[in-house]
PDB file of N, CA and C in Angstrom:
ATOM      1  N   MET A   1      97.861  11.759-180.084  1.00  0.00           N
ATOM      2  CA  MET A   1      98.456  12.980-180.084  1.00  0.00           C
ATOM      3  C   MET A   1      99.373  12.587-179.049  1.00  0.00           C
ATOM      4  N   GLY A   2      99.497  11.478-178.189  1.00  0.00           N
ATOM      5  CA  GLY A   2     100.635  11.241-177.169  1.00  0.00           C
ATOM      6  C   GLY A   2     100.088  11.370-175.762  1.00  0.00           C
ATOM      7  N   PHE A   3      98.910  11.911-175.667  1.00  0.00           N
ATOM      8  CA  PHE A   3      98.391  12.150-174.307  1.00  0.00           C
ATOM      9  C   PHE A   3      98.153  10.773-173.337  1.00  0.00           C
ATOM     10  N   ASP A   4      98.424  11.123-172.066  1.00  0.00           N
ATOM     11  CA  ASP A   4      98.088   9.943-171.405  1.00  0.00           C
ATOM     12  C   ASP A   4      96.607  10.069-170.721  1.00  0.00           C
ATOM     13  N   LEU A   5      95.824   9.407-171.469  1.00  0.00           N
ATOM     14  CA  LEU A   5      94.242   9.194-170.970  1.00  0.00           C
ATOM     15  C   LEU A   5      94.174   8.140-169.995  1.00  0.00           C
ATOM     16  N   GLY A   6      94.751   7.406-169.592  1.00  0.00           N
ATOM     17  CA  GLY A   6      94.496   6.336-168.353  1.00  0.00           C
ATOM     18  C   GLY A   6      93.725   5.324-169.242  1.00  0.00           C
ATOM     19  N   LYS A   7      92.894   4.648-168.445  1.00  0.00           N
ATOM     20  CA  LYS A   7      91.944   3.453-168.841  1.00  0.00           C
ATOM     21  C   LYS A   7      90.513   3.662-168.791  1.00  0.00           C
ATOM     22  N   SER A   8      89.999   4.870-168.597  1.00  0.00           N
ATOM     23  CA  SER A   8      88.969   5.446-168.448  1.00  0.00           C
ATOM     24  C   SER A   8      87.964   4.949-169.541  1.00  0.00           C
ATOM     25  N   GLU A   9      86.622   4.577-169.049  1.00  0.00           N
ATOM     26  CA  GLU A   9      85.530   4.201-170.186  1.00  0.00           C
ATOM     27  C   GLU A   9      84.423   4.827-169.887  1.00  0.00           C
ATOM     28  N   THR A  10      84.469   6.272-169.616  1.00  0.00           N
ATOM     29  CA  THR A  10      83.354   6.883-168.840  1.00  0.00           C
ATOM     30  C   THR A  10      83.431   8.312-169.821  1.00  0.00           C
ATOM     31  N   PRO A  11      82.444   8.854-169.640  1.00  0.00           N
ATOM     32  CA  PRO A  11      82.039  10.277-170.313  1.00  0.00           C
ATOM     33  C   PRO A  11      83.113  11.479-169.733  1.00  0.00           C
ATOM     34  N   ILE A  12      83.974  10.849-168.932  1.00  0.00           N
ATOM     35  CA  ILE A  12      84.834  12.176-168.241  1.00  0.00           C
ATOM     36  C   ILE A  12      86.053  11.452-168.433  1.00  0.00           C
ATOM     37  N   CYS A  13      86.684  12.459-169.516  1.00  0.00           N
ATOM     38  CA  CYS A  13      87.999  12.134-170.169  1.00  0.00           C
ATOM     39  C   CYS A  13      89.262  12.761-169.341  1.00  0.00           C
ATOM     40  N   THR A  14      90.128  12.198-168.568  1.00  0.00           N
ATOM     41  CA  THR A  14      91.172  12.514-168.025  1.00  0.00           C
ATOM     42  C   THR A  14      92.439  12.773-168.700  1.00  0.00           C
ATOM     43  N   VAL A  15      93.032  13.357-168.747  1.00  0.00           N
ATOM     44  CA  VAL A  15      94.522  13.736-169.642  1.00  0.00           C
ATOM     45  C   VAL A  15      95.309  13.894-168.296  1.00  0.00           C
ATOM     46  N   LEU A  16      96.215  13.173-167.965  1.00  0.00           N
ATOM     47  CA  LEU A  16      97.399  12.900-166.948  1.00  0.00           C
ATOM     48  C   LEU A  16      98.488  13.963-167.304  1.00  0.00           C
ATOM     49  N   ILE A  17      98.832  15.075-166.890  1.00  0.00           N
ATOM     50  CA  ILE A  17      99.783  15.836-167.181  1.00  0.00           C
ATOM     51  C   ILE A  17     100.909  15.869-165.995  1.00  0.00           C
ATOM     52  N   GLY A  18     100.571  15.767-164.764  1.00  0.00           N
ATOM     53  CA  GLY A  18     101.504  15.409-163.535  1.00  0.00           C
ATOM     54  C   GLY A  18     101.950  16.724-163.088  1.00  0.00           C
ATOM     55  N   ASP A  19     102.677  17.746-163.845  1.00  0.00           N
ATOM     56  CA  ASP A  19     103.301  19.003-163.264  1.00  0.00           C
ATOM     57  C   ASP A  19     101.680  19.942-162.927  1.00  0.00           C
ATOM     58  N   ASN A  20     101.766  20.374-161.821  1.00  0.00           N
ATOM     59  CA  ASN A  20     100.455  21.227-161.146  1.00  0.00           C
ATOM     60  C   ASN A  20     100.642  22.795-162.315  1.00  0.00           C
ATOM     61  N   ALA A  21     101.704  23.100-162.269  1.00  0.00           N
ATOM     62  CA  ALA A  21     101.717  24.442-163.182  1.00  0.00           C
ATOM     63  C   ALA A  21     101.395  24.326-164.829  1.00  0.00           C
ATOM     64  N   LEU A  22     101.763  23.276-165.465  1.00  0.00           N
ATOM     65  CA  LEU A  22     101.499  23.051-166.793  1.00  0.00           C
ATOM     66  C   LEU A  22      99.869  22.643-166.923  1.00  0.00           C
ATOM     67  N   THR A  23      99.468  21.757-165.705  1.00  0.00           N
ATOM     68  CA  THR A  23      98.110  21.816-165.888  1.00  0.00           C
ATOM     69  C   THR A  23      97.178  22.709-165.964  1.00  0.00           C
ATOM     70  N   MET A  24      97.481  23.740-165.074  1.00  0.00           N
ATOM     71  CA  MET A  24      96.723  24.760-164.895  1.00  0.00           C
ATOM     72  C   MET A  24      97.037  25.777-166.230  1.00  0.00           C
ATOM     73  N   GLU A  25      98.347  26.081-166.525  1.00  0.00           N
ATOM     74  CA  GLU A  25      98.508  26.514-168.172  1.00  0.00           C
ATOM     75  C   GLU A  25      97.639  26.171-169.117  1.00  0.00           C
ATOM     76  N   ALA A  26      97.469  24.771-168.912  1.00  0.00           N
ATOM     77  CA  ALA A  26      96.776  24.077-170.074  1.00  0.00           C
ATOM     78  C   ALA A  26      95.284  24.178-169.905  1.00  0.00           C
ATOM     79  N   ASP A  27      94.946  24.466-168.893  1.00  0.00           N
ATOM     80  CA  ASP A  27      93.586  24.581-168.476  1.00  0.00           C
ATOM     81  C   ASP A  27      93.375  26.155-168.915  1.00  0.00           C
ATOM     82  N   ARG A  28      93.990  26.845-168.491  1.00  0.00           N
ATOM     83  CA  ARG A  28      93.942  28.429-169.047  1.00  0.00           C
ATOM     84  C   ARG A  28      94.008  28.826-170.649  1.00  0.00           C
ATOM     85  N   ARG A  29      94.635  27.771-171.327  1.00  0.00           N
ATOM     86  CA  ARG A  29      94.924  27.821-173.026  1.00  0.00           C
ATOM     87  C   ARG A  29      93.720  27.493-173.680  1.00  0.00           C
ATOM     88  N   LEU A  30      93.252  26.225-172.732  1.00  0.00           N
ATOM     89  CA  LEU A  30      92.165  25.714-173.564  1.00  0.00           C
ATOM     90  C   LEU A  30      91.033  26.525-173.256  1.00  0.00           C
ATOM     91  N   MET A  31      90.579  26.948-172.117  1.00  0.00           N
ATOM     92  CA  MET A  31      89.650  27.965-171.865  1.00  0.00           C
ATOM     93  C   MET A  31      89.827  29.219-172.895  1.00  0.00           C
ATOM     94  N   ALA A  32      90.540  29.536-172.864  1.00  0.00           N
ATOM     95  CA  ALA A  32      91.042  30.605-174.057  1.00  0.00           C
ATOM     96  C   ALA A  32      90.319  30.384-175.315  1.00  0.00           C
ATOM     97  N   ARG A  33      90.507  29.174-175.835  1.00  0.00           N
ATOM     98  CA  ARG A  33      89.616  28.544-177.117  1.00  0.00           C
ATOM     99  C   ARG A  33      88.646  28.061-176.592  1.00  0.00           C
ATOM    100  N   GLY A  34      87.937  28.502-175.721  1.00  0.00           N
ATOM    101  CA  GLY A  34      86.462  27.817-175.580  1.00  0.00           C
ATOM    102  C   GLY A  34      86.281  26.445-175.078  1.00  0.00           C
ATOM    103  N   VAL A  35      87.211  25.785-174.741  1.00  0.00           N
ATOM    104  CA  VAL A  35      87.293  24.178-174.604  1.00  0.00           C
ATOM    105  C   VAL A  35      87.361  24.123-172.882  1.00  0.00           C
ATOM    106  N   PHE A  36      86.559  23.793-172.485  1.00  0.00           N
ATOM    107  CA  PHE A  36      86.404  23.854-170.659  1.00  0.00           C
ATOM    108  C   PHE A  36      86.820  22.534-170.550  1.00  0.00           C
ATOM    109  N   ALA A  37      88.112  22.111-169.730  1.00  0.00           N
ATOM    110  CA  ALA A  37      88.763  21.000-169.450  1.00  0.00           C
ATOM    111  C   ALA A  37      89.354  21.498-168.463  1.00  0.00           C
ATOM    112  N   GLN A  38      88.924  21.331-167.222  1.00  0.00           N
ATOM    113  CA  GLN A  38      89.142  21.630-165.925  1.00  0.00           C
ATOM    114  C   GLN A  38      90.547  20.939-165.418  1.00  0.00           C
ATOM    115  N   GLY A  39      91.271  21.958-164.972  1.00  0.00           N
ATOM    116  CA  GLY A  39      92.595  21.314-164.085  1.00  0.00           C
ATOM    117  C   GLY A  39      92.376  21.123-162.826  1.00  0.00           C
ATOM    118  N   ILE A  40      93.015  19.995-162.600  1.00  0.00           N
ATOM    119  CA  ILE A  40      92.497  19.057-161.208  1.00  0.00           C
ATOM    120  C   ILE A  40      94.195  18.759-160.653  1.00  0.00           C
ATOM    121  N   ARG A  41      94.307  19.433-159.498  1.00  0.00           N
ATOM    122  CA  ARG A  41      95.804  19.248-158.836  1.00  0.00           C
ATOM    123  C   ARG A  41      95.668  18.718-157.234  1.00  0.00           C
ATOM    124  N   PRO A  42      96.731  18.218-156.827  1.00  0.00           N
ATOM    125  CA  PRO A  42      96.481  17.779-155.509  1.00  0.00           C
ATOM    126  C   PRO A  42      96.238  18.747-154.655  1.00  0.00           C
ATOM    127  N   PRO A  43      95.328  18.375-153.502  1.00  0.00           N
ATOM    128  CA  PRO A  43      95.169  17.274-152.816  1.00  0.00           C
ATOM    129  C   PRO A  43      94.082  16.519-153.557  1.00  0.00           C
ATOM    130  N   SER A  44      93.243  16.937-154.519  1.00  0.00           N
ATOM    131  CA  SER A  44      92.185  16.452-155.059  1.00  0.00           C
ATOM    132  C   SER A  44      92.482  14.920-155.848  1.00  0.00           C
ATOM    133  N   VAL A  45      93.956  14.820-156.322  1.00  0.00           N
ATOM    134  CA  VAL A  45      94.476  13.949-156.929  1.00  0.00           C
ATOM    135  C   VAL A  45      95.771  13.491-156.152  1.00  0.00           C
ATOM    136  N   PRO A  46      96.385  12.410-156.422  1.00  0.00           N
ATOM    137  CA  PRO A  46      97.677  12.163-155.769  1.00  0.00           C
ATOM    138  C   PRO A  46      98.697  12.969-156.275  1.00  0.00           C
ATOM    139  N   PRO A  47     100.060  13.190-155.326  1.00  0.00           N
ATOM    140  CA  PRO A  47     100.783  14.291-155.954  1.00  0.00           C
ATOM    141  C   PRO A  47     101.466  13.596-157.359  1.00  0.00           C
ATOM    142  N   GLN A  48     101.893  14.661-157.979  1.00  0.00           N
ATOM    143  CA  GLN A  48     102.350  14.328-159.434  1.00  0.00           C
ATOM    144  C   GLN A  48     101.226  13.719-160.339  1.00  0.00           C
ATOM    145  N   GLY A  49      99.975  13.975-159.974  1.00  0.00           N
ATOM    146  CA  GLY A  49      98.933  13.395-160.475  1.00  0.00           C
ATOM    147  C   GLY A  49      98.084  14.441-161.299  1.00  0.00           C
ATOM    148  N   ALA A  50      98.561  15.552-161.354  1.00  0.00           N
ATOM    149  CA  ALA A  50      97.746  16.586-162.207  1.00  0.00           C
ATOM    150  C   ALA A  50      97.235  16.301-163.355  1.00  0.00           C
ATOM    151  N   ARG A  51      95.748  16.864-163.405  1.00  0.00           N
ATOM    152  CA  ARG A  51      95.418  16.178-164.841  1.00  0.00           C
ATOM    153  C   ARG A  51      94.400  17.494-165.218  1.00  0.00           C
ATOM    154  N   LEU A  52      93.884  17.062-166.668  1.00  0.00           N
ATOM    155  CA  LEU A  52      92.873  18.002-166.796  1.00  0.00           C
ATOM    156  C   LEU A  52      91.439  16.905-167.045  1.00  0.00           C
ATOM    157  N   ARG A  53      90.390  17.307-166.813  1.00  0.00           N
ATOM    158  CA  ARG A  53      89.170  16.647-167.046  1.00  0.00           C
ATOM    159  C   ARG A  53      88.330  17.371-168.039  1.00  0.00           C
ATOM    160  N   ALA A  54      87.731  16.639-168.920  1.00  0.00           N
ATOM    161  CA  ALA A  54      86.759  16.785-169.849  1.00  0.00           C
ATOM    162  C   ALA A  54      85.548  16.215-169.836  1.00  0.00           C
ATOM    163  N   THR A  55      84.348  16.518-169.862  1.00  0.00           N
ATOM    164  CA  THR A  55      83.341  15.632-170.020  1.00  0.00           C
ATOM    165  C   THR A  55      82.743  15.649-171.173  1.00  0.00           C
ATOM    166  N   LEU A  56      82.394  14.419-172.134  1.00  0.00           N
ATOM    167  CA  LEU A  56      81.628  14.422-173.095  1.00  0.00           C
ATOM    168  C   LEU A  56      80.181  14.137-172.982  1.00  0.00           C
ATOM    169  N   MET A  57      79.460  14.780-173.598  1.00  0.00           N
ATOM    170  CA  MET A  57      78.045  14.800-173.785  1.00  0.00           C
ATOM    171  C   MET A  57      77.699  14.523-174.759  1.00  0.00           C
ATOM    172  N   ALA A  58      76.417  14.157-174.793  1.00  0.00           N
ATOM    173  CA  ALA A  58      75.613  13.739-176.274  1.00  0.00           C
ATOM    174  C   ALA A  58      75.255  14.911-176.936  1.00  0.00           C
ATOM    175  N   THR A  59      75.019  16.203-175.992  1.00  0.00           N
ATOM    176  CA  THR A  59      74.804  17.529-177.017  1.00  0.00           C
ATOM    177  C   THR A  59      75.870  17.992-177.777  1.00  0.00           C
ATOM    178  N   HIS A  60      77.273  17.252-177.612  1.00  0.00           N
ATOM    179  CA  HIS A  60      78.671  17.735-178.515  1.00  0.00           C
ATOM    180  C   HIS A  60      78.209  17.182-179.827  1.00  0.00           C
ATOM    181  N   THR A  61      78.567  18.148-180.712  1.00  0.00           N
ATOM    182  CA  THR A  61      78.207  17.490-182.055  1.00  0.00           C
ATOM    183  C   THR A  61      79.896  17.006-182.587  1.00  0.00           C
ATOM    184  N   ALA A  62      80.061  16.569-183.614  1.00  0.00           N
ATOM    185  CA  ALA A  62      81.149  16.242-184.167  1.00  0.00           C
ATOM    186  C   ALA A  62      81.874  17.233-184.462  1.00  0.00           C
ATOM    187  N   ALA A  63      81.476  18.411-184.872  1.00  0.00           N
ATOM    188  CA  ALA A  63      82.380  19.476-184.950  1.00  0.00           C
ATOM    189  C   ALA A  63      83.000  20.152-183.572  1.00  0.00           C
ATOM    190  N   ASP A  64      82.047  20.025-182.735  1.00  0.00           N
ATOM    191  CA  ASP A  64      82.630  20.384-181.233  1.00  0.00           C
ATOM    192  C   ASP A  64      83.704  19.503-180.989  1.00  0.00           C
ATOM    193  N   LEU A  65      83.700  18.170-181.015  1.00  0.00           N
ATOM    194  CA  LEU A  65      84.668  17.368-180.814  1.00  0.00           C
ATOM    195  C   LEU A  65      85.889  17.634-181.391  1.00  0.00           C
ATOM    196  N   ASP A  66      85.563  17.632-182.794  1.00  0.00           N
ATOM    197  CA  ASP A  66      86.978  17.835-183.881  1.00  0.00           C
ATOM    198  C   ASP A  66      87.432  19.199-183.470  1.00  0.00           C
ATOM    199  N   TYR A  67      86.653  20.206-182.853  1.00  0.00           N
ATOM    200  CA  TYR A  67      87.239  21.548-182.358  1.00  0.00           C
ATOM    201  C   TYR A  67      88.212  21.185-181.121  1.00  0.00           C
ATOM    202  N   ALA A  68      87.744  20.766-180.284  1.00  0.00           N
ATOM    203  CA  ALA A  68      88.373  20.319-179.102  1.00  0.00           C
ATOM    204  C   ALA A  68      89.607  19.447-179.218  1.00  0.00           C
ATOM    205  N   LEU A  69      89.497  18.524-180.192  1.00  0.00           N
ATOM    206  CA  LEU A  69      90.794  17.520-180.192  1.00  0.00           C
ATOM    207  C   LEU A  69      92.039  18.620-180.933  1.00  0.00           C
ATOM    208  N   VAL A  70      91.393  19.466-182.063  1.00  0.00           N
ATOM    209  CA  VAL A  70      92.643  20.447-182.745  1.00  0.00           C
ATOM    210  C   VAL A  70      93.059  21.177-181.652  1.00  0.00           C
ATOM    211  N   SER A  71      92.184  21.650-180.732  1.00  0.00           N
ATOM    212  CA  SER A  71      92.504  22.620-179.464  1.00  0.00           C
ATOM    213  C   SER A  71      93.621  22.057-178.358  1.00  0.00           C
ATOM    214  N   PHE A  72      93.356  20.743-178.110  1.00  0.00           N
ATOM    215  CA  PHE A  72      94.153  19.893-177.576  1.00  0.00           C
ATOM    216  C   PHE A  72      95.692  19.870-177.810  1.00  0.00           C
ATOM    217  N   GLN A  73      95.568  19.401-179.196  1.00  0.00           N
ATOM    218  CA  GLN A  73      96.912  19.248-180.146  1.00  0.00           C
ATOM    219  C   GLN A  73      97.525  20.326-179.923  1.00  0.00           C
ATOM    220  N   LYS A  74      96.926  21.687-180.044  1.00  0.00           N
ATOM    221  CA  LYS A  74      97.741  22.890-180.493  1.00  0.00           C
ATOM    222  C   LYS A  74      98.283  23.073-178.901  1.00  0.00           C
ATOM    223  N   VAL A  75      97.519  23.022-177.797  1.00  0.00           N
ATOM    224  CA  VAL A  75      98.002  23.498-176.458  1.00  0.00           C
ATOM    225  C   VAL A  75      98.943  22.464-176.253  1.00  0.00           C
ATOM    226  N   GLY A  76      98.849  21.506-176.422  1.00  0.00           N
ATOM    227  CA  GLY A  76      99.999  20.369-175.932  1.00  0.00           C
ATOM    228  C   GLY A  76     101.161  20.589-176.799  1.00  0.00           C
ATOM    229  N   GLU A  77     101.001  21.011-178.220  1.00  0.00           N
ATOM    230  CA  GLU A  77     102.125  21.389-178.914  1.00  0.00           C
ATOM    231  C   GLU A  77     102.992  22.731-178.010  1.00  0.00           C
ATOM    232  N   GLU A  78     102.163  23.803-177.707  1.00  0.00           N
ATOM    233  CA  GLU A  78     102.587  24.940-176.984  1.00  0.00           C
ATOM    234  C   GLU A  78     103.051  24.575-175.877  1.00  0.00           C
ATOM    235  N   LEU A  79     102.927  23.622-175.164  1.00  0.00           N
ATOM    236  CA  LEU A  79     103.541  23.240-173.758  1.00  0.00           C
ATOM    237  C   LEU A  79     104.207  22.206-173.829  1.00  0.00           C
ATOM    238  N   ALA A  80     104.741  21.661-175.063  1.00  0.00           N
ATOM    239  CA  ALA A  80     105.686  20.591-175.158  1.00  0.00           C
ATOM    240  C   ALA A  80     104.873  19.581-174.205  1.00  0.00           C
ATOM    241  N   LEU A  81     103.804  19.080-174.160  1.00  0.00           N
ATOM    242  CA  LEU A  81     103.307  17.874-173.465  1.00  0.00           C
ATOM    243  C   LEU A  81     103.184  16.592-173.860  1.00  0.00           C
ATOM    244  N   ILE A  82     103.212  16.999-175.501  1.00  0.00           N
ATOM    245  CA  ILE A  82     102.965  15.466-176.266  1.00  0.00           C
ATOM    246  C   ILE A  82     104.174  14.635-175.847  1.00  0.00           C
ATOM    247  N   GLN A  83     103.878  13.512-175.762  1.00  0.00           N
ATOM    248  CA  GLN A  83     104.952  12.408-175.107  1.00  0.00           C
ATOM    249  C   GLN A  83     105.742  12.170-176.048  1.00  0.00           C
ATOM    250  N   GLY A  84     106.937  11.970-175.429  1.00  0.00           N
ATOM    251  CA  GLY A  84     108.445  12.085-176.582  1.00  0.00           C
ATOM    252  C   GLY A  84     108.928  13.574-176.491  1.00  0.00           C
ATOM    253  N   GLU A  85     108.191  14.749-175.996  1.00  0.00           N
ATOM    254  CA  GLU A  85     108.934  15.887-175.956  1.00  0.00           C
ATOM    255  C   GLU A  85     108.712  16.426-174.592  1.00  0.00           C
ATOM    256  N   GLN A  86     108.489  15.535-173.549  1.00  0.00           N
ATOM    257  CA  GLN A  86     108.422  15.978-172.171  1.00  0.00           C
ATOM    258  C   GLN A  86     109.998  16.056-171.700  1.00  0.00           C
TER     259      GLN A  86
END
């Protein structure tokens, strides 16, 4: 999808966006779709390091994960966050 996920190998999936306002707009749009991906901004992260954090759990079903991925894709398209469109 073109999102910058960093190099994490943990259940916490980070999507680096950079811009504070876009990060929080993505947070709002995902939440409206029922996907909890918390927006994190400075000073919790470095300047220009705003990101979304989603936690994957064993209780998520394959359908849950598919829905979350489709939601990220749609929100990314809506906000022109997909790599190459920035």
